N, C-alpha and C. Protein backbone atom coordinates (compact mmCIF):
# COMPACT_ATOMS: atom_id res chain seq x y z
N MET A 1 46.34 34.10 6.82
CA MET A 1 45.39 33.58 7.77
C MET A 1 43.99 33.95 7.30
N THR A 2 43.10 33.01 7.30
CA THR A 2 41.71 33.24 6.94
C THR A 2 40.85 33.01 8.17
N ARG A 3 39.90 33.90 8.38
CA ARG A 3 39.03 33.79 9.53
C ARG A 3 37.66 34.33 9.15
N ILE A 4 36.61 33.68 9.61
CA ILE A 4 35.25 34.16 9.34
C ILE A 4 34.82 35.05 10.50
N LEU A 5 34.38 36.26 10.17
CA LEU A 5 33.87 37.20 11.16
C LEU A 5 32.39 37.39 10.91
N GLU A 6 31.64 37.66 11.96
CA GLU A 6 30.19 37.82 11.83
C GLU A 6 29.77 39.17 12.41
N THR A 7 28.86 39.83 11.72
CA THR A 7 28.35 41.11 12.21
C THR A 7 27.47 40.88 13.43
N ASP A 8 27.39 41.91 14.29
CA ASP A 8 26.54 41.80 15.47
C ASP A 8 25.11 42.21 15.13
N GLU A 9 24.28 42.34 16.16
CA GLU A 9 22.86 42.65 15.95
C GLU A 9 22.64 44.04 15.35
N HIS A 10 23.66 44.90 15.38
CA HIS A 10 23.56 46.24 14.79
C HIS A 10 24.18 46.30 13.40
N GLY A 11 24.72 45.19 12.93
CA GLY A 11 25.37 45.16 11.63
C GLY A 11 26.82 45.58 11.67
N SER A 12 27.37 45.73 12.87
CA SER A 12 28.77 46.13 13.02
C SER A 12 29.68 44.91 12.97
N LEU A 13 30.84 45.12 12.42
CA LEU A 13 31.84 44.06 12.32
C LEU A 13 33.01 44.41 13.22
N THR A 14 33.39 43.52 14.11
CA THR A 14 34.51 43.73 15.00
C THR A 14 35.67 42.88 14.51
N ILE A 15 36.81 43.52 14.29
CA ILE A 15 38.02 42.81 13.86
C ILE A 15 38.88 42.58 15.08
N PRO A 16 39.15 41.32 15.43
CA PRO A 16 39.97 41.05 16.62
C PRO A 16 41.37 41.63 16.49
N ALA A 17 41.91 42.09 17.61
CA ALA A 17 43.23 42.74 17.62
C ALA A 17 44.33 41.86 17.04
N GLU A 18 44.25 40.56 17.25
CA GLU A 18 45.32 39.69 16.75
C GLU A 18 45.37 39.65 15.22
N LEU A 19 44.32 40.11 14.55
CA LEU A 19 44.34 40.15 13.09
C LEU A 19 44.91 41.47 12.55
N LEU A 20 45.19 42.41 13.43
CA LEU A 20 45.62 43.73 12.99
C LEU A 20 47.13 43.95 13.09
N ALA A 21 47.88 42.92 13.16
CA ALA A 21 49.35 42.97 13.05
C ALA A 21 50.03 43.93 14.02
N GLN A 22 49.72 43.84 15.27
CA GLN A 22 50.41 44.59 16.33
C GLN A 22 50.51 46.08 16.04
N THR A 23 49.41 46.70 15.76
CA THR A 23 49.44 48.12 15.42
C THR A 23 49.40 49.03 16.63
N GLY A 24 48.98 48.54 17.76
CA GLY A 24 48.89 49.38 18.96
C GLY A 24 47.60 50.17 19.00
N ALA A 25 47.48 50.95 20.05
CA ALA A 25 46.27 51.74 20.26
C ALA A 25 46.15 52.87 19.25
N HIS A 26 44.95 53.19 18.89
CA HIS A 26 44.59 54.33 18.03
C HIS A 26 45.13 54.23 16.60
N ALA A 27 45.42 53.03 16.14
CA ALA A 27 45.83 52.87 14.75
C ALA A 27 44.62 53.15 13.86
N ARG A 28 44.87 53.72 12.70
CA ARG A 28 43.79 54.08 11.79
C ARG A 28 43.84 53.19 10.55
N TYR A 29 42.64 52.88 10.03
CA TYR A 29 42.51 52.02 8.87
C TYR A 29 41.57 52.64 7.86
N VAL A 30 41.83 52.37 6.60
CA VAL A 30 40.94 52.78 5.53
C VAL A 30 40.19 51.52 5.09
N VAL A 31 38.86 51.61 5.06
CA VAL A 31 38.04 50.49 4.63
C VAL A 31 37.39 50.88 3.32
N GLU A 32 37.61 50.08 2.30
CA GLU A 32 37.07 50.37 0.98
C GLU A 32 36.16 49.23 0.56
N GLN A 33 34.97 49.58 0.07
CA GLN A 33 34.04 48.56 -0.40
C GLN A 33 34.24 48.36 -1.89
N LEU A 34 34.54 47.14 -2.26
CA LEU A 34 34.74 46.77 -3.67
C LEU A 34 33.73 45.69 -4.01
N GLY A 35 32.53 46.13 -4.42
CA GLY A 35 31.45 45.16 -4.65
C GLY A 35 31.04 44.54 -3.33
N ASP A 36 31.09 43.21 -3.24
CA ASP A 36 30.76 42.51 -2.00
C ASP A 36 31.96 42.37 -1.08
N THR A 37 33.11 42.88 -1.49
CA THR A 37 34.35 42.71 -0.73
C THR A 37 34.69 44.00 0.04
N LEU A 38 35.12 43.84 1.28
CA LEU A 38 35.65 44.96 2.05
C LEU A 38 37.16 44.80 2.12
N GLN A 39 37.87 45.84 1.76
CA GLN A 39 39.33 45.82 1.83
C GLN A 39 39.75 46.75 2.96
N VAL A 40 40.56 46.23 3.88
CA VAL A 40 41.01 47.00 5.04
C VAL A 40 42.52 47.19 4.92
N ASN A 41 42.95 48.47 4.90
CA ASN A 41 44.37 48.80 4.81
C ASN A 41 44.73 49.79 5.90
N ARG A 42 45.94 49.72 6.39
CA ARG A 42 46.42 50.67 7.38
C ARG A 42 46.49 52.04 6.73
N ALA A 43 45.97 53.05 7.40
CA ALA A 43 46.00 54.41 6.87
C ALA A 43 47.39 54.99 7.04
N SER A 44 47.81 55.77 6.06
CA SER A 44 49.10 56.45 6.23
C SER A 44 48.92 57.48 7.33
N ASP A 45 49.90 57.64 8.14
CA ASP A 45 49.79 58.51 9.31
C ASP A 45 50.26 59.90 8.97
N THR A 46 49.36 60.72 8.40
CA THR A 46 49.73 62.06 8.00
C THR A 46 49.12 63.13 8.89
N ARG A 47 48.42 62.74 9.94
CA ARG A 47 47.81 63.72 10.82
C ARG A 47 48.88 64.47 11.60
N ASP A 48 48.59 65.70 11.90
CA ASP A 48 49.49 66.51 12.71
C ASP A 48 49.08 66.35 14.17
N GLU A 49 49.80 65.54 14.91
CA GLU A 49 49.48 65.26 16.30
C GLU A 49 50.40 66.02 17.25
N THR A 50 51.07 67.05 16.75
CA THR A 50 52.04 67.74 17.60
C THR A 50 51.33 68.71 18.52
N GLY A 51 51.82 68.80 19.73
CA GLY A 51 51.30 69.75 20.70
C GLY A 51 50.09 69.22 21.45
N THR A 52 49.72 69.99 22.44
CA THR A 52 48.54 69.66 23.25
C THR A 52 47.28 70.07 22.50
N HIS A 53 46.15 69.67 23.02
CA HIS A 53 44.88 70.06 22.41
C HIS A 53 44.76 71.59 22.35
N GLY A 54 45.14 72.24 23.44
CA GLY A 54 45.08 73.70 23.48
C GLY A 54 45.96 74.36 22.42
N GLU A 55 47.16 73.81 22.22
CA GLU A 55 48.07 74.35 21.20
C GLU A 55 47.49 74.16 19.81
N ARG A 56 46.89 73.00 19.55
CA ARG A 56 46.27 72.76 18.24
C ARG A 56 45.09 73.70 18.01
N MET A 57 44.29 73.95 19.07
CA MET A 57 43.16 74.87 18.94
C MET A 57 43.65 76.29 18.66
N ARG A 58 44.73 76.72 19.32
CA ARG A 58 45.28 78.04 19.07
C ARG A 58 45.76 78.17 17.62
N ARG A 59 46.37 77.10 17.08
CA ARG A 59 46.81 77.15 15.67
C ARG A 59 45.61 77.28 14.74
N TRP A 60 44.51 76.56 15.04
CA TRP A 60 43.30 76.67 14.23
C TRP A 60 42.73 78.08 14.30
N GLN A 61 42.70 78.66 15.50
CA GLN A 61 42.18 80.02 15.66
C GLN A 61 43.06 81.03 14.93
N ASP A 62 44.37 80.86 14.99
CA ASP A 62 45.28 81.75 14.25
C ASP A 62 45.05 81.65 12.76
N LEU A 63 44.86 80.43 12.27
CA LEU A 63 44.59 80.24 10.85
C LEU A 63 43.28 80.91 10.46
N ALA A 64 42.25 80.76 11.28
CA ALA A 64 40.96 81.38 10.98
C ALA A 64 41.09 82.90 10.92
N LYS A 65 41.87 83.48 11.82
CA LYS A 65 42.08 84.93 11.81
C LYS A 65 42.82 85.38 10.56
N ARG A 66 43.82 84.60 10.14
CA ARG A 66 44.56 84.97 8.92
C ARG A 66 43.67 84.90 7.70
N ILE A 67 42.81 83.88 7.64
CA ILE A 67 41.89 83.76 6.51
C ILE A 67 40.91 84.91 6.50
N GLU A 68 40.38 85.25 7.68
CA GLU A 68 39.44 86.37 7.79
C GLU A 68 40.10 87.68 7.38
N ALA A 69 41.35 87.90 7.80
CA ALA A 69 42.06 89.13 7.47
C ALA A 69 42.33 89.23 5.97
N ALA A 70 42.50 88.11 5.31
CA ALA A 70 42.82 88.11 3.88
C ALA A 70 41.56 88.20 3.01
N SER A 71 40.41 88.12 3.62
CA SER A 71 39.16 88.13 2.87
C SER A 71 38.95 89.48 2.19
N ILE A 72 38.44 89.45 0.95
CA ILE A 72 38.20 90.68 0.21
C ILE A 72 36.73 91.07 0.24
N THR A 73 35.94 90.38 1.03
CA THR A 73 34.52 90.67 1.14
C THR A 73 34.08 90.52 2.59
N ASP A 74 32.95 91.14 2.91
CA ASP A 74 32.44 90.99 4.26
C ASP A 74 31.43 89.85 4.36
N LYS A 75 31.27 89.10 3.27
CA LYS A 75 30.35 87.96 3.28
C LYS A 75 31.01 86.76 3.95
N SER A 76 30.17 85.91 4.55
CA SER A 76 30.68 84.69 5.16
C SER A 76 30.92 83.64 4.08
N ALA A 77 31.66 82.62 4.43
CA ALA A 77 31.91 81.52 3.49
C ALA A 77 30.61 80.87 3.07
N VAL A 78 29.65 80.76 3.98
CA VAL A 78 28.35 80.16 3.66
C VAL A 78 27.64 80.98 2.61
N GLU A 79 27.66 82.30 2.76
CA GLU A 79 27.01 83.18 1.76
C GLU A 79 27.67 83.05 0.40
N ILE A 80 28.99 83.01 0.38
CA ILE A 80 29.72 82.88 -0.89
C ILE A 80 29.38 81.57 -1.57
N LEU A 81 29.39 80.47 -0.81
CA LEU A 81 29.06 79.16 -1.38
C LEU A 81 27.62 79.13 -1.89
N SER A 82 26.70 79.75 -1.16
CA SER A 82 25.30 79.79 -1.60
C SER A 82 25.18 80.51 -2.93
N GLU A 83 25.90 81.61 -3.08
CA GLU A 83 25.87 82.36 -4.34
C GLU A 83 26.47 81.55 -5.48
N MET A 84 27.50 80.77 -5.19
CA MET A 84 28.15 79.97 -6.23
C MET A 84 27.22 78.87 -6.73
N ARG A 85 26.33 78.39 -5.91
CA ARG A 85 25.42 77.31 -6.29
C ARG A 85 24.26 77.79 -7.16
N ARG A 86 24.03 79.09 -7.20
CA ARG A 86 22.90 79.62 -7.99
C ARG A 86 23.19 79.60 -9.45
């Protein structure tokens, strides 16, 4: 199927749902610019969506604590990166 789409006054392009092959809500796409061509492909679904928001935040906090505990210096990541750039 070929269809002409037009950008709006902000330069945004809206792709009608009927062109997206029944993907449902919150489907993700990768858009790649190849010269003057835009290629739109369905993103592989590798995100970890398990648990509630609170459970995911607790896992992030636990990970941050483990990384902090394993650190061999009292410098922050920002300080270390700044030193690496010199």
